[in-house]
N, C-alpha and C. Protein backbone atom coordinates (compact mmCIF):
# COMPACT_ATOMS: atom_id res chain seq x y z
N UNK A 1 90.99 123.13 92.10
CA UNK A 1 92.40 123.53 92.04
C UNK A 1 92.99 123.77 93.42
N UNK A 2 92.15 124.08 94.38
CA UNK A 2 92.61 124.43 95.72
C UNK A 2 91.88 123.61 96.76
N UNK A 3 92.64 123.11 97.72
CA UNK A 3 92.07 122.45 98.89
C UNK A 3 92.58 123.15 100.14
N UNK A 4 91.69 123.38 101.08
CA UNK A 4 92.01 124.06 102.32
C UNK A 4 91.78 123.12 103.49
N UNK A 5 92.76 123.03 104.38
CA UNK A 5 92.67 122.16 105.53
C UNK A 5 92.91 122.98 106.79
N UNK A 6 91.89 123.04 107.65
CA UNK A 6 91.99 123.78 108.90
C UNK A 6 92.40 122.86 110.04
N UNK A 7 93.02 123.44 111.04
CA UNK A 7 93.39 122.71 112.24
C UNK A 7 93.49 123.69 113.40
N UNK A 8 93.52 123.16 114.61
CA UNK A 8 93.71 123.97 115.78
C UNK A 8 92.47 124.23 116.61
N UNK A 9 91.32 123.79 116.13
CA UNK A 9 90.11 123.97 116.90
C UNK A 9 90.10 123.09 118.14
N UNK A 10 89.20 123.39 119.04
CA UNK A 10 89.11 122.61 120.25
C UNK A 10 88.26 123.29 121.30
N UNK A 11 88.40 122.80 122.52
CA UNK A 11 87.64 123.30 123.66
C UNK A 11 88.57 124.10 124.57
N UNK A 12 88.16 125.32 124.88
CA UNK A 12 88.92 126.17 125.78
C UNK A 12 87.98 126.87 126.74
N UNK A 13 88.53 127.33 127.85
CA UNK A 13 87.75 128.09 128.81
C UNK A 13 87.72 129.56 128.43
N UNK A 14 86.67 130.23 128.88
CA UNK A 14 86.57 131.67 128.65
C UNK A 14 87.82 132.37 129.15
N UNK A 15 88.32 133.30 128.34
CA UNK A 15 89.53 134.00 128.67
C UNK A 15 90.78 133.35 128.12
N UNK A 16 90.65 132.16 127.61
CA UNK A 16 91.78 131.44 127.07
C UNK A 16 92.09 131.82 125.65
N UNK A 17 93.06 131.12 125.07
CA UNK A 17 93.53 131.40 123.73
C UNK A 17 93.56 130.15 122.88
N UNK A 18 93.49 130.35 121.59
CA UNK A 18 93.54 129.27 120.63
C UNK A 18 94.07 129.82 119.32
N UNK A 19 94.84 129.02 118.60
CA UNK A 19 95.33 129.43 117.30
C UNK A 19 94.88 128.45 116.23
N UNK A 20 94.19 128.96 115.24
CA UNK A 20 93.74 128.16 114.12
C UNK A 20 94.72 128.30 112.96
N UNK A 21 94.88 127.22 112.22
CA UNK A 21 95.73 127.23 111.04
C UNK A 21 94.94 126.71 109.85
N UNK A 22 95.27 127.22 108.69
CA UNK A 22 94.66 126.76 107.45
C UNK A 22 95.73 126.70 106.39
N UNK A 23 95.96 125.52 105.85
CA UNK A 23 96.98 125.33 104.83
C UNK A 23 96.32 125.05 103.49
N UNK A 24 96.78 125.73 102.47
CA UNK A 24 96.20 125.62 101.14
C UNK A 24 97.12 124.85 100.21
N UNK A 25 96.52 124.05 99.36
CA UNK A 25 97.26 123.41 98.29
C UNK A 25 97.31 124.35 97.09
N UNK A 26 98.14 124.03 96.11
CA UNK A 26 98.22 124.82 94.90
C UNK A 26 99.24 125.94 94.98
N UNK A 27 99.22 126.77 93.95
CA UNK A 27 100.24 127.80 93.78
C UNK A 27 99.71 129.23 93.83
N UNK A 28 98.46 129.41 94.18
CA UNK A 28 97.87 130.75 94.13
C UNK A 28 97.69 131.38 95.50
N UNK A 29 98.17 130.73 96.55
CA UNK A 29 97.97 131.24 97.90
C UNK A 29 98.52 132.65 98.06
N UNK A 30 99.74 132.87 97.60
CA UNK A 30 100.43 134.12 97.86
C UNK A 30 99.76 135.34 97.21
N UNK A 31 98.96 135.13 96.19
CA UNK A 31 98.29 136.23 95.51
C UNK A 31 96.81 136.32 95.86
N UNK A 32 96.40 135.55 96.84
CA UNK A 32 94.99 135.48 97.18
C UNK A 32 94.70 136.11 98.54
N UNK A 33 93.53 136.71 98.63
CA UNK A 33 93.04 137.16 99.93
C UNK A 33 92.54 135.95 100.71
N UNK A 34 92.91 135.88 101.98
CA UNK A 34 92.49 134.79 102.84
C UNK A 34 91.57 135.33 103.93
N UNK A 35 90.68 134.48 104.37
CA UNK A 35 89.75 134.91 105.40
C UNK A 35 89.34 133.79 106.33
N UNK A 36 88.89 134.20 107.50
CA UNK A 36 88.28 133.29 108.46
C UNK A 36 86.84 133.72 108.67
N UNK A 37 85.95 132.76 108.64
CA UNK A 37 84.54 132.97 108.88
C UNK A 37 84.08 131.98 109.94
N UNK A 38 82.95 132.26 110.55
CA UNK A 38 82.44 131.34 111.55
C UNK A 38 80.93 131.25 111.47
N UNK A 39 80.42 130.13 111.93
CA UNK A 39 78.99 129.90 111.93
C UNK A 39 78.59 129.18 113.22
N UNK A 40 77.76 129.84 113.99
CA UNK A 40 77.23 129.26 115.21
C UNK A 40 75.89 128.59 114.90
N UNK A 41 75.48 127.64 115.73
CA UNK A 41 74.19 126.98 115.49
C UNK A 41 73.04 127.97 115.40
N UNK A 42 72.24 127.84 114.36
CA UNK A 42 71.09 128.71 114.18
C UNK A 42 71.41 130.07 113.63
N UNK A 43 72.66 130.33 113.30
CA UNK A 43 73.06 131.62 112.76
C UNK A 43 73.70 131.48 111.39
N UNK A 44 73.73 132.59 110.66
CA UNK A 44 74.38 132.61 109.36
C UNK A 44 75.90 132.69 109.53
N UNK A 45 76.59 132.26 108.51
CA UNK A 45 78.04 132.37 108.51
C UNK A 45 78.42 133.85 108.46
N UNK A 46 79.40 134.24 109.27
CA UNK A 46 79.80 135.63 109.34
C UNK A 46 81.31 135.78 109.21
N UNK A 47 81.71 136.94 108.72
CA UNK A 47 83.11 137.26 108.59
C UNK A 47 83.75 137.44 109.96
N UNK A 48 84.93 136.88 110.13
CA UNK A 48 85.73 137.09 111.33
C UNK A 48 86.90 138.01 111.02
N UNK A 49 87.69 137.65 110.01
CA UNK A 49 88.86 138.44 109.66
C UNK A 49 89.31 138.08 108.26
N UNK A 50 89.95 139.03 107.58
CA UNK A 50 90.54 138.78 106.28
C UNK A 50 91.93 139.39 106.23
N UNK A 51 92.74 138.86 105.33
CA UNK A 51 94.07 139.42 105.09
C UNK A 51 94.35 139.31 103.60
N UNK A 52 94.75 140.42 102.99
CA UNK A 52 95.03 140.45 101.56
C UNK A 52 96.42 139.91 101.28
N UNK A 53 96.72 139.76 99.99
CA UNK A 53 98.04 139.32 99.59
C UNK A 53 99.12 140.30 100.03
N UNK A 54 98.75 141.57 100.18
CA UNK A 54 99.68 142.59 100.62
C UNK A 54 99.77 142.74 102.13
N UNK A 55 98.95 141.99 102.86
CA UNK A 55 99.02 142.01 104.31
C UNK A 55 98.03 142.91 105.00
N UNK A 56 97.14 143.55 104.25
CA UNK A 56 96.12 144.38 104.88
C UNK A 56 95.07 143.51 105.55
N UNK A 57 94.68 143.89 106.75
CA UNK A 57 93.75 143.08 107.53
C UNK A 57 92.44 143.81 107.78
N UNK A 58 91.42 143.02 108.03
CA UNK A 58 90.11 143.53 108.35
C UNK A 58 89.47 142.58 109.36
N UNK A 59 88.78 143.14 110.36
CA UNK A 59 88.20 142.34 111.42
C UNK A 59 86.76 142.71 111.67
N UNK A 60 85.99 141.73 112.07
CA UNK A 60 84.66 142.01 112.57
C UNK A 60 84.77 142.78 113.88
N UNK A 61 83.83 143.66 114.13
CA UNK A 61 83.86 144.46 115.35
C UNK A 61 83.87 143.58 116.60
N UNK A 62 83.22 142.44 116.53
CA UNK A 62 83.09 141.58 117.69
C UNK A 62 84.41 140.93 118.11
N UNK A 63 85.39 140.89 117.22
CA UNK A 63 86.66 140.24 117.54
C UNK A 63 87.83 141.20 117.52
N UNK A 64 87.59 142.42 117.12
CA UNK A 64 88.66 143.41 117.01
C UNK A 64 89.34 143.62 118.36
N UNK A 65 90.66 143.56 118.35
CA UNK A 65 91.43 143.69 119.57
C UNK A 65 91.70 142.39 120.27
N UNK A 66 90.99 141.34 119.91
CA UNK A 66 91.18 140.03 120.53
C UNK A 66 91.78 139.01 119.57
N UNK A 67 91.41 139.09 118.30
CA UNK A 67 91.88 138.14 117.30
C UNK A 67 92.89 138.80 116.38
N UNK A 68 93.82 138.00 115.87
CA UNK A 68 94.81 138.48 114.92
C UNK A 68 94.94 137.48 113.78
N UNK A 69 94.78 137.96 112.56
CA UNK A 69 94.98 137.12 111.39
C UNK A 69 96.36 137.40 110.81
N UNK A 70 97.03 136.36 110.37
CA UNK A 70 98.34 136.50 109.77
C UNK A 70 98.53 135.42 108.71
N UNK A 71 99.57 135.56 107.92
CA UNK A 71 99.81 134.57 106.88
C UNK A 71 101.30 134.33 106.72
N UNK A 72 101.63 133.12 106.30
CA UNK A 72 103.00 132.72 106.00
C UNK A 72 102.98 132.15 104.60
N UNK A 73 103.38 132.96 103.64
CA UNK A 73 103.31 132.53 102.24
C UNK A 73 104.24 131.36 101.93
N UNK A 74 105.35 131.27 102.65
CA UNK A 74 106.28 130.16 102.44
C UNK A 74 105.65 128.83 102.82
N UNK A 75 104.68 128.87 103.72
CA UNK A 75 104.01 127.65 104.17
C UNK A 75 102.60 127.51 103.62
N UNK A 76 102.19 128.46 102.78
CA UNK A 76 100.82 128.46 102.26
C UNK A 76 99.79 128.36 103.38
N UNK A 77 100.03 129.09 104.45
CA UNK A 77 99.21 128.96 105.64
C UNK A 77 98.74 130.31 106.15
N UNK A 78 97.49 130.36 106.55
CA UNK A 78 96.93 131.52 107.22
C UNK A 78 96.56 131.11 108.64
N UNK A 79 96.75 132.02 109.59
CA UNK A 79 96.51 131.74 110.99
C UNK A 79 95.46 132.69 111.55
N UNK A 80 94.81 132.24 112.59
CA UNK A 80 93.93 133.10 113.37
C UNK A 80 94.26 132.89 114.83
N UNK A 81 94.93 133.87 115.42
CA UNK A 81 95.24 133.83 116.84
C UNK A 81 94.07 134.43 117.59
N UNK A 82 93.47 133.64 118.46
CA UNK A 82 92.29 134.06 119.19
C UNK A 82 92.62 134.15 120.68
N UNK A 83 92.56 135.35 121.21
CA UNK A 83 92.82 135.58 122.62
C UNK A 83 91.56 136.09 123.31
N UNK A 84 91.57 136.02 124.63
CA UNK A 84 90.43 136.49 125.43
C UNK A 84 89.12 135.93 124.91
N UNK A 85 89.10 134.65 124.69
CA UNK A 85 87.93 134.01 124.10
C UNK A 85 86.71 134.10 125.00
N UNK A 86 85.57 134.24 124.37
CA UNK A 86 84.29 134.33 125.05
C UNK A 86 83.39 133.19 124.59
N UNK A 87 82.41 132.81 125.42
CA UNK A 87 81.47 131.78 124.98
C UNK A 87 80.78 132.13 123.66
N UNK A 88 80.58 133.41 123.40
CA UNK A 88 79.96 133.85 122.16
C UNK A 88 80.81 133.56 120.93
N UNK A 89 82.08 133.23 121.13
CA UNK A 89 82.95 132.87 120.01
C UNK A 89 82.76 131.42 119.57
N UNK A 90 81.99 130.67 120.31
CA UNK A 90 81.75 129.27 119.97
C UNK A 90 81.09 129.17 118.61
N UNK A 91 81.72 128.42 117.71
CA UNK A 91 81.22 128.28 116.35
C UNK A 91 82.12 127.33 115.58
N UNK A 92 81.69 126.98 114.39
CA UNK A 92 82.57 126.32 113.45
C UNK A 92 83.28 127.40 112.66
N UNK A 93 84.59 127.33 112.61
CA UNK A 93 85.39 128.32 111.92
C UNK A 93 85.85 127.77 110.59
N UNK A 94 85.64 128.57 109.54
CA UNK A 94 85.95 128.16 108.18
C UNK A 94 87.03 129.05 107.58
N UNK A 95 87.93 128.43 106.87
CA UNK A 95 88.96 129.13 106.13
C UNK A 95 88.47 129.38 104.70
N UNK A 96 88.80 130.53 104.16
CA UNK A 96 88.37 130.90 102.81
C UNK A 96 89.54 131.47 102.02
N UNK A 97 89.66 131.03 100.77
CA UNK A 97 90.65 131.57 99.85
C UNK A 97 89.92 132.19 98.67
N UNK A 98 90.24 133.45 98.39
CA UNK A 98 89.64 134.16 97.27
C UNK A 98 90.62 134.18 96.12
N UNK A 99 90.35 133.36 95.10
CA UNK A 99 91.19 133.35 93.92
C UNK A 99 90.97 134.63 93.15
N UNK A 100 92.04 135.33 92.76
CA UNK A 100 91.87 136.64 92.12
C UNK A 100 91.39 136.57 90.68
N UNK A 101 91.88 135.58 89.91
CA UNK A 101 91.49 135.48 88.52
C UNK A 101 91.65 134.06 88.03
N UNK A 102 90.59 133.51 87.47
CA UNK A 102 89.23 134.04 87.56
C UNK A 102 88.72 134.00 88.99
N UNK A 103 87.92 134.97 89.35
CA UNK A 103 87.46 135.11 90.72
C UNK A 103 86.65 133.89 91.16
N UNK A 104 87.04 133.32 92.31
CA UNK A 104 86.34 132.17 92.86
C UNK A 104 86.76 132.00 94.31
N UNK A 105 85.84 131.61 95.13
CA UNK A 105 86.11 131.41 96.55
C UNK A 105 86.15 129.92 96.88
N UNK A 106 87.19 129.51 97.58
CA UNK A 106 87.33 128.15 98.07
C UNK A 106 87.16 128.14 99.57
N UNK A 107 86.53 127.10 100.08
CA UNK A 107 86.25 126.98 101.51
C UNK A 107 86.84 125.71 102.10
N UNK A 108 87.31 125.81 103.32
CA UNK A 108 87.74 124.64 104.05
C UNK A 108 86.56 123.90 104.65
N UNK A 109 86.85 122.79 105.31
CA UNK A 109 85.78 121.96 105.87
C UNK A 109 85.26 122.47 107.20
N UNK A 110 86.01 123.35 107.83
CA UNK A 110 85.61 123.91 109.11
C UNK A 110 86.24 123.19 110.28
N UNK A 111 86.45 123.92 111.36
CA UNK A 111 86.97 123.34 112.59
C UNK A 111 86.19 123.93 113.76
N UNK A 112 85.81 123.08 114.69
CA UNK A 112 84.96 123.49 115.80
C UNK A 112 85.77 124.18 116.88
N UNK A 113 85.27 125.33 117.31
CA UNK A 113 85.82 126.04 118.46
C UNK A 113 84.72 126.16 119.49
N UNK A 114 84.98 125.66 120.68
CA UNK A 114 84.02 125.72 121.77
C UNK A 114 84.65 126.41 122.96
N UNK A 115 84.00 127.45 123.45
CA UNK A 115 84.49 128.21 124.59
C UNK A 115 83.52 128.01 125.74
N UNK A 116 83.99 127.44 126.82
CA UNK A 116 83.16 127.16 127.97
C UNK A 116 83.26 128.27 129.01
N UNK A 117 82.21 128.40 129.82
CA UNK A 117 82.18 129.41 130.87
C UNK A 117 82.92 128.95 132.11
């Protein structure tokens, strides 16, 4: 029922910025919690940030103060603004949509973010 398409990944230098976008198909975006997750080589996928339908946000400690998650319901899009990037942020970033009822999680294909020293 839902397809997620991420964009905005790329190569940046340490200290730089990047903005990721994820656009969802369907009609349930506005009532769904959205999230960004990342997975580095050899590591498990981890939470980066989430935003509820009401706009409440949550961040991993490692990105708090540097990353900002936001959403535009008119565009069915969630964003991740990444500032002060570090090499440790290098990973594939995945968009996630949590359908409220019936509960189900949809995942995007991922977009590569590489931060060079």
